[in-house]
Amino acid sequence: MRMQKETESLFWVLSHRHCPGELARFELRSVESDSYGIAHDCAIVEYAHDGIAVDHRAVPLARFQGFANHMVAQRLASLGFVRGLGHLIGTPCSHGWAVPAPLVMVQLPMNLEYPILVIFHVLGAAIWIGALVSFVLGTLPAATRTGDLSQLKSTGKIVLGRVGFAALVVQALTGIRLAGNWINWSTIFKEPNGHLILTKIVLLVVLFGLGGFLFHRTLPRLEPDKLGGFVGMTWLVLILSLVVLVLGVGVRVPGFLGS
C-alpha cells in the first residue's frame, strides 16, 4: 500500500501540466525539510532544457497522493513515459541521455474516487453560494422594499435549511476527504496548506453555527423592524462562504495565497 501511494504520487508529479522542461532524473528519497526540520518522503524531480539541468525539486509525496487514474496514465504517455514490467521507464531526452533509476511499482487500478469527490465538492459549493447570492441580492432587497416577509421566510427555509444545509454538509465532508490528498494529517499544524485547511474547517464550523442560528432562531421570529440585523448576518454568511472558497483555491493552487 505504501509503494502504491508513492507511485501514485510520483505519477501525478510527472504528469503535472506545468513541467518546465524535459524530465532528466527522478527518485524517491526521505529528505529533511529546511523549514520545519521534519523528514518527508519526497519525489526528487530534475528537469532539463536543451540537455542542461535547470530545475531540481523535492516534492512531498503526502501532497500528491490519490491521483492515479486513466487520465494520468494518458498524460504520462504523452510525456514520453511508458509502464514496463514492474518498472517506470523514461524515454531519452533530446540530447540522448535517458531517465535513470527505474522505479519498482505495483499495478495501479483506475481510481475514480478523486474526480467524484471533486464533482460533489464543487456542486456543494455552487449550490450553497449560488443560493446565498440569489437570496441576498434578490429576495432580501425585495422584502426590504415591500415589508412583506412571507416570500423571504419561505425562501430562507430553503436556502438556510433543507437544500443549503445539505449542500454545506456535502461540501464539508468531501473537502475533508480531499484534504488528505494535499496534507499529512499528523503534521497539519506544521504545513502551510495545513493552516489553510484548518482555517477552512474553522470557518465551516462558524457557517454551520450562523446558518443554524438564522434558520432556527431568527427566521421564524423575524419582524419588519428586525430585518436589518437579519440582512447583516446573511451578508456575513455569504462573505465567509466566499472566503472559504478562496481558501479552497489556495489549497489547490500552490502559491495562490503564498503557501
Protein backbone atom coordinates (compact mmCIF):
# COMPACT_ATOMS: atom_id res chain seq x y z
CA MET A 1 0.00 0.00 0.00
CA ARG A 2 2.86 2.37 0.80
CA MET A 3 4.56 1.77 -2.53
CA GLN A 4 1.26 2.17 -4.35
CA LYS A 5 0.66 5.59 -2.77
CA GLU A 6 4.21 6.70 -3.54
CA THR A 7 3.84 5.57 -7.13
CA GLU A 8 0.50 7.36 -7.48
CA SER A 9 2.15 10.49 -6.09
CA LEU A 10 5.06 10.26 -8.50
CA PHE A 11 2.65 9.68 -11.38
CA TRP A 12 0.97 12.98 -10.53
CA VAL A 13 4.27 14.86 -10.24
CA LEU A 14 5.48 13.57 -13.59
CA SER A 15 2.17 14.32 -15.32
CA HIS A 16 1.79 17.87 -13.99
CA ARG A 17 0.97 20.25 -16.80
CA HIS A 18 3.45 22.92 -15.69
CA CYS A 19 6.61 20.88 -16.32
CA PRO A 20 9.33 23.47 -17.10
CA GLY A 21 11.23 21.16 -19.45
CA GLU A 22 12.22 17.55 -20.10
CA LEU A 23 12.37 15.25 -17.11
CA ALA A 24 16.03 14.34 -16.65
CA ARG A 25 16.01 12.44 -13.35
CA PHE A 26 13.63 11.24 -10.68
CA GLU A 27 13.89 9.20 -7.50
CA LEU A 28 12.16 8.63 -4.17
CA ARG A 29 14.01 9.52 -1.01
CA SER A 30 13.44 10.79 2.52
CA VAL A 31 14.71 14.35 2.86
CA GLU A 32 14.68 16.81 5.74
CA SER A 33 12.59 19.93 5.38
CA ASP A 34 14.58 23.13 5.88
CA SER A 35 11.53 24.97 7.20
CA TYR A 36 10.33 22.54 9.84
CA GLY A 37 13.13 20.04 10.34
CA ILE A 38 10.84 17.12 9.58
CA ALA A 39 11.80 14.18 7.36
CA HIS A 40 9.37 13.68 4.47
CA ASP A 41 9.19 11.11 1.71
CA CYS A 42 9.71 13.15 -1.44
CA ALA A 43 9.90 12.76 -5.16
CA ILE A 44 13.17 14.29 -6.32
CA VAL A 45 12.43 15.67 -9.77
CA GLU A 46 15.05 17.26 -12.01
CA TYR A 47 14.12 18.97 -15.25
CA ALA A 48 16.34 19.87 -18.17
CA HIS A 49 16.17 22.26 -21.08
CA ASP A 50 18.30 21.55 -24.15
CA GLY A 51 20.18 18.90 -22.18
CA ILE A 52 21.11 21.23 -19.29
CA ALA A 53 19.60 20.70 -15.83
CA VAL A 54 17.64 23.82 -14.95
CA ASP A 55 15.36 22.86 -12.10
CA HIS A 56 15.58 20.50 -9.14
CA ARG A 57 12.57 19.94 -6.90
CA ALA A 58 11.82 17.89 -3.81
CA VAL A 59 8.05 17.39 -3.75
CA PRO A 60 6.48 15.94 -0.55
CA LEU A 61 4.55 12.85 -1.56
CA ALA A 62 1.89 13.45 1.09
CA ARG A 63 0.61 16.36 -1.02
CA PHE A 64 0.19 14.32 -4.17
CA GLN A 65 -1.46 11.07 -3.05
CA GLY A 66 -4.51 9.62 -4.71
CA PHE A 67 -4.17 10.92 -8.26
CA ALA A 68 -3.56 7.67 -10.17
CA ASN A 69 -6.22 7.24 -12.82
CA HIS A 70 -6.64 6.65 -16.51
CA MET A 71 -6.21 10.32 -17.45
CA VAL A 72 -2.90 10.50 -15.58
CA ALA A 73 -1.70 7.40 -17.40
CA GLN A 74 -2.59 9.05 -20.70
CA ARG A 75 -0.75 12.19 -19.65
CA LEU A 76 2.33 10.14 -18.80
CA ALA A 77 2.21 8.53 -22.22
CA SER A 78 2.03 11.97 -23.84
CA LEU A 79 5.15 13.00 -21.91
CA GLY A 80 7.04 10.03 -23.28
CA PHE A 81 6.84 7.64 -20.32
CA VAL A 82 5.82 4.01 -20.57
CA ARG A 83 4.99 1.49 -17.89
CA GLY A 84 7.04 -1.71 -18.20
CA LEU A 85 7.12 -4.98 -16.29
CA GLY A 86 7.43 -3.68 -12.75
CA HIS A 87 9.29 -0.53 -13.79
CA LEU A 88 8.64 3.01 -14.81
CA ILE A 89 10.96 3.76 -17.73
CA GLY A 90 11.75 7.11 -19.33
CA THR A 91 12.46 7.79 -22.98
CA PRO A 92 15.70 9.52 -23.99
CA CYS A 93 15.92 13.29 -23.89
CA SER A 94 16.68 15.33 -26.99
CA HIS A 95 20.44 15.10 -26.34
CA GLY A 96 20.42 11.35 -25.94
CA TRP A 97 20.54 10.89 -22.15
CA ALA A 98 17.72 8.89 -20.65
CA VAL A 99 15.93 8.87 -17.31
CA PRO A 100 17.91 6.55 -14.99
CA ALA A 101 16.90 4.51 -11.93
CA PRO A 102 13.65 2.75 -12.91
CA LEU A 103 11.12 2.65 -10.09
CA VAL A 104 9.71 -0.67 -8.89
CA MET A 105 5.95 -0.30 -8.76
CA VAL A 106 2.68 -2.15 -8.35
CA GLN A 107 -0.27 -2.43 -10.69
CA LEU A 108 -2.49 0.62 -10.20
CA PRO A 109 -6.27 0.30 -10.54
CA MET A 110 -8.29 3.06 -12.10
CA ASN A 111 -9.09 5.50 -9.29
CA LEU A 112 -12.42 7.30 -9.67
CA GLU A 113 -12.74 8.47 -6.08
CA TYR A 114 -10.87 11.76 -6.56
CA PRO A 115 -12.84 13.12 -9.55
CA ILE A 116 -16.14 12.05 -7.97
CA LEU A 117 -15.24 13.83 -4.73
CA VAL A 118 -14.24 16.95 -6.66
CA ILE A 119 -17.54 16.94 -8.58
CA PHE A 120 -19.63 16.71 -5.40
CA HIS A 121 -17.42 19.25 -3.61
CA VAL A 122 -17.82 21.79 -6.42
CA LEU A 123 -21.56 21.09 -6.69
CA GLY A 124 -21.99 21.61 -2.95
CA ALA A 125 -20.12 24.92 -3.08
CA ALA A 126 -22.02 26.07 -6.18
CA ILE A 127 -25.44 25.29 -4.68
CA TRP A 128 -24.62 26.86 -1.31
CA ILE A 129 -23.00 30.06 -2.62
CA GLY A 130 -25.38 30.38 -5.57
CA ALA A 131 -28.43 30.12 -3.32
CA LEU A 132 -26.95 32.66 -0.90
CA VAL A 133 -26.16 35.15 -3.67
CA SER A 134 -29.70 34.84 -5.05
CA PHE A 135 -31.16 35.23 -1.56
CA VAL A 136 -29.01 38.23 -0.60
CA LEU A 137 -29.23 40.11 -3.90
CA GLY A 138 -32.78 39.17 -4.88
CA THR A 139 -35.06 38.12 -2.04
CA LEU A 140 -33.74 40.38 0.73
CA PRO A 141 -33.91 43.68 -1.23
CA ALA A 142 -37.46 42.86 -2.37
CA ALA A 143 -38.56 42.14 1.20
CA THR A 144 -36.90 45.34 2.43
CA ARG A 145 -38.78 47.44 -0.15
CA THR A 146 -42.22 45.90 0.35
CA GLY A 147 -42.05 44.89 4.00
CA ASP A 148 -43.65 41.55 3.07
CA LEU A 149 -41.70 38.79 4.82
CA SER A 150 -43.70 35.78 3.63
CA GLN A 151 -41.59 35.20 0.50
CA LEU A 152 -38.40 35.87 2.45
CA LYS A 153 -39.26 33.28 5.08
CA SER A 154 -40.27 30.60 2.58
CA THR A 155 -37.12 31.14 0.51
CA GLY A 156 -34.96 31.37 3.62
CA LYS A 157 -36.17 27.96 4.77
CA ILE A 158 -34.79 26.51 1.53
CA VAL A 159 -31.52 28.47 1.39
CA LEU A 160 -30.63 28.14 5.07
CA GLY A 161 -32.48 24.88 5.64
CA ARG A 162 -33.01 21.74 3.61
CA VAL A 163 -31.13 22.50 0.39
CA GLY A 164 -28.49 24.86 1.73
CA PHE A 165 -27.64 22.76 4.77
CA ALA A 166 -27.36 19.59 2.67
CA ALA A 167 -25.04 21.37 0.20
CA LEU A 168 -22.87 22.67 3.05
CA VAL A 169 -22.63 19.20 4.61
CA VAL A 170 -21.59 17.69 1.26
CA GLN A 171 -19.01 20.44 0.82
CA ALA A 172 -17.56 19.86 4.28
CA LEU A 173 -17.38 16.06 4.08
CA THR A 174 -15.89 15.93 0.59
CA GLY A 175 -13.48 18.74 1.47
CA ILE A 176 -12.11 16.87 4.48
CA ARG A 177 -11.64 13.75 2.39
CA LEU A 178 -9.95 15.68 -0.42
CA ALA A 179 -7.64 17.41 2.04
CA GLY A 180 -5.95 14.07 2.64
CA ASN A 181 -4.54 14.36 -0.88
CA TRP A 182 -2.68 17.53 -0.02
CA ILE A 183 -1.56 17.24 3.59
CA ASN A 184 -0.48 14.72 6.15
CA TRP A 185 -2.99 14.99 8.99
CA SER A 186 -0.31 14.11 11.55
CA THR A 187 1.68 17.24 10.61
CA ILE A 188 -1.22 19.52 9.71
CA PHE A 189 -0.11 22.23 12.17
CA LYS A 190 3.34 22.42 10.56
CA GLU A 191 2.37 22.73 6.90
CA PRO A 192 1.30 25.94 5.09
CA ASN A 193 -1.51 24.06 3.35
CA GLY A 194 -2.45 22.66 6.74
CA HIS A 195 -3.03 26.18 8.04
CA LEU A 196 -5.32 26.94 5.11
CA ILE A 197 -7.30 23.75 5.64
CA LEU A 198 -7.60 24.36 9.39
CA THR A 199 -8.88 27.87 8.67
CA LYS A 200 -11.44 26.41 6.24
CA ILE A 201 -12.61 23.93 8.87
CA VAL A 202 -13.00 26.67 11.49
CA LEU A 203 -14.94 28.87 9.07
CA LEU A 204 -17.19 25.96 8.11
CA VAL A 205 -17.99 25.39 11.78
CA VAL A 206 -18.83 29.11 12.08
CA LEU A 207 -21.03 28.87 8.98
CA PHE A 208 -22.90 25.89 10.41
CA GLY A 209 -23.44 27.85 13.63
CA LEU A 210 -24.58 31.06 11.94
CA GLY A 211 -26.78 29.20 9.46
CA GLY A 212 -28.40 27.17 12.21
CA PHE A 213 -28.99 30.28 14.32
CA LEU A 214 -30.58 32.16 11.42
CA PHE A 215 -32.75 29.19 10.43
CA HIS A 216 -33.94 28.06 13.86
CA ARG A 217 -33.99 31.29 15.88
CA THR A 218 -34.01 34.41 13.72
CA LEU A 219 -36.07 33.45 10.66
CA PRO A 220 -39.18 32.10 12.47
CA ARG A 221 -39.38 35.22 14.69
CA LEU A 222 -38.42 37.75 12.03
CA GLU A 223 -40.36 41.03 12.05
CA PRO A 224 -40.03 44.06 9.74
CA ASP A 225 -38.29 46.12 12.43
CA LYS A 226 -35.63 43.39 12.86
CA LEU A 227 -34.95 42.91 9.17
CA GLY A 228 -31.76 44.98 9.22
CA GLY A 229 -29.99 42.63 11.62
CA PHE A 230 -31.06 39.60 9.62
CA VAL A 231 -29.75 41.15 6.39
CA GLY A 232 -26.41 41.90 8.04
CA MET A 233 -25.98 38.36 9.34
CA THR A 234 -26.92 36.88 5.97
CA TRP A 235 -24.30 39.04 4.26
CA LEU A 236 -21.77 37.83 6.82
CA VAL A 237 -22.62 34.21 5.95
CA LEU A 238 -22.12 34.97 2.25
CA ILE A 239 -18.77 36.72 2.82
CA LEU A 240 -17.47 33.87 4.99
CA SER A 241 -18.58 31.38 2.33
CA LEU A 242 -16.60 33.29 -0.30
CA VAL A 243 -13.56 33.30 1.99
CA VAL A 244 -13.86 29.52 2.30
CA LEU A 245 -13.99 29.32 -1.50
CA VAL A 246 -10.81 31.40 -1.85
CA LEU A 247 -9.03 29.27 0.76
CA GLY A 248 -10.00 26.18 -1.20
CA VAL A 249 -8.39 27.61 -4.31
CA GLY A 250 -5.31 28.41 -2.22
CA VAL A 251 -5.03 24.76 -1.15
CA ARG A 252 -5.38 23.51 -4.72
CA VAL A 253 -3.19 26.12 -6.48
CA PRO A 254 0.33 26.36 -4.99
CA GLY A 255 1.45 29.95 -4.41
CA PHE A 256 -2.03 31.48 -4.82
CA LEU A 257 -2.09 32.58 -1.18
CA GLY A 258 1.64 32.44 -0.64
CA SER A 259 1.55 28.84 0.68
